[in-house]
Protein backbone atom coordinates (compact mmCIF):
# COMPACT_ATOMS: atom_id res chain seq x y z
CA MET A 1 12.20 43.41 67.08
CA PRO A 2 8.73 42.21 65.19
CA TRP A 3 8.61 39.05 63.84
CA PRO A 4 8.25 40.00 60.02
CA THR A 5 11.79 41.44 60.56
CA PHE A 6 12.61 37.93 59.89
CA THR A 7 10.19 37.00 57.06
CA ASP A 8 9.91 38.01 53.44
CA ALA A 9 8.28 41.56 52.54
CA GLU A 10 6.47 39.90 49.77
CA ASN A 11 5.26 36.30 51.35
CA PRO A 12 5.25 36.74 55.20
CA HIS A 13 5.15 32.93 55.18
CA LYS A 14 8.88 32.64 53.86
CA LEU A 15 12.00 33.26 56.25
CA LYS A 16 14.61 35.77 54.76
CA SER A 17 18.02 33.60 54.39
CA LEU A 18 19.75 33.06 57.88
CA ASP A 19 22.56 35.12 56.40
CA GLU A 20 20.01 38.01 55.96
CA ILE A 21 18.79 37.30 59.58
CA LYS A 22 22.21 37.16 61.01
CA LYS A 23 22.75 40.84 59.12
CA ILE A 24 20.05 42.00 60.76
CA LEU A 25 20.70 40.90 64.30
CA ALA A 26 24.51 42.07 63.68
CA ASP A 27 23.46 45.40 62.84
CA LYS A 28 21.89 45.88 65.72
CA LYS A 29 24.60 44.60 67.71
CA ILE A 30 22.84 41.35 68.75
CA THR A 31 25.37 38.47 69.10
CA SER A 32 25.19 34.86 69.46
CA ALA A 33 26.80 35.60 73.28
CA ASP A 34 23.82 37.74 74.38
CA ASP A 35 20.95 36.42 76.43
CA ILE A 36 17.84 36.98 74.35
CA ILE A 37 14.57 36.91 75.64
CA VAL A 38 11.69 36.23 73.08
CA THR A 39 8.19 37.47 73.88
CA CYS A 40 4.55 38.16 72.36
CA SER A 41 1.19 38.56 73.59
CA THR A 42 0.00 34.81 72.58
CA GLY A 43 3.45 33.12 72.22
CA ARG A 44 2.95 32.58 68.52
CA GLU A 45 5.50 34.68 67.00
CA ALA A 46 7.60 34.32 70.21
CA THR A 47 8.00 30.66 69.24
CA LEU A 48 8.79 31.12 65.72
CA GLN A 49 11.91 33.86 66.57
CA TYR A 50 12.46 31.08 69.36
CA VAL A 51 13.38 28.57 67.01
CA VAL A 52 14.84 30.67 64.42
CA LEU A 53 17.42 32.21 67.02
CA LYS A 54 18.06 28.99 69.09
CA HIS A 55 17.79 26.11 66.69
CA LEU A 56 18.63 27.73 63.34
CA LEU A 57 21.56 30.22 64.32
CA GLY A 58 22.42 28.68 67.57
CA TYR A 59 21.86 32.10 69.84
CA ARG A 60 21.00 31.55 73.51
CA THR A 61 17.47 32.28 73.97
CA SER A 62 14.69 32.15 76.38
CA ILE A 63 11.17 32.37 76.31
């Protein structure tokens, strides 16, 4: 899922609320029990997704 999925449409430097991100993940049937691998071509976006998923939401993730 692209990184902008986690950001505010009006301000791409601002995250959506954690509740909004949780709902997006739940709608895609992604749970904190799933193993999640984040990736991108440079590592920049994957790192941001990793921090949100692992450290803010407590999901199991790998880069």
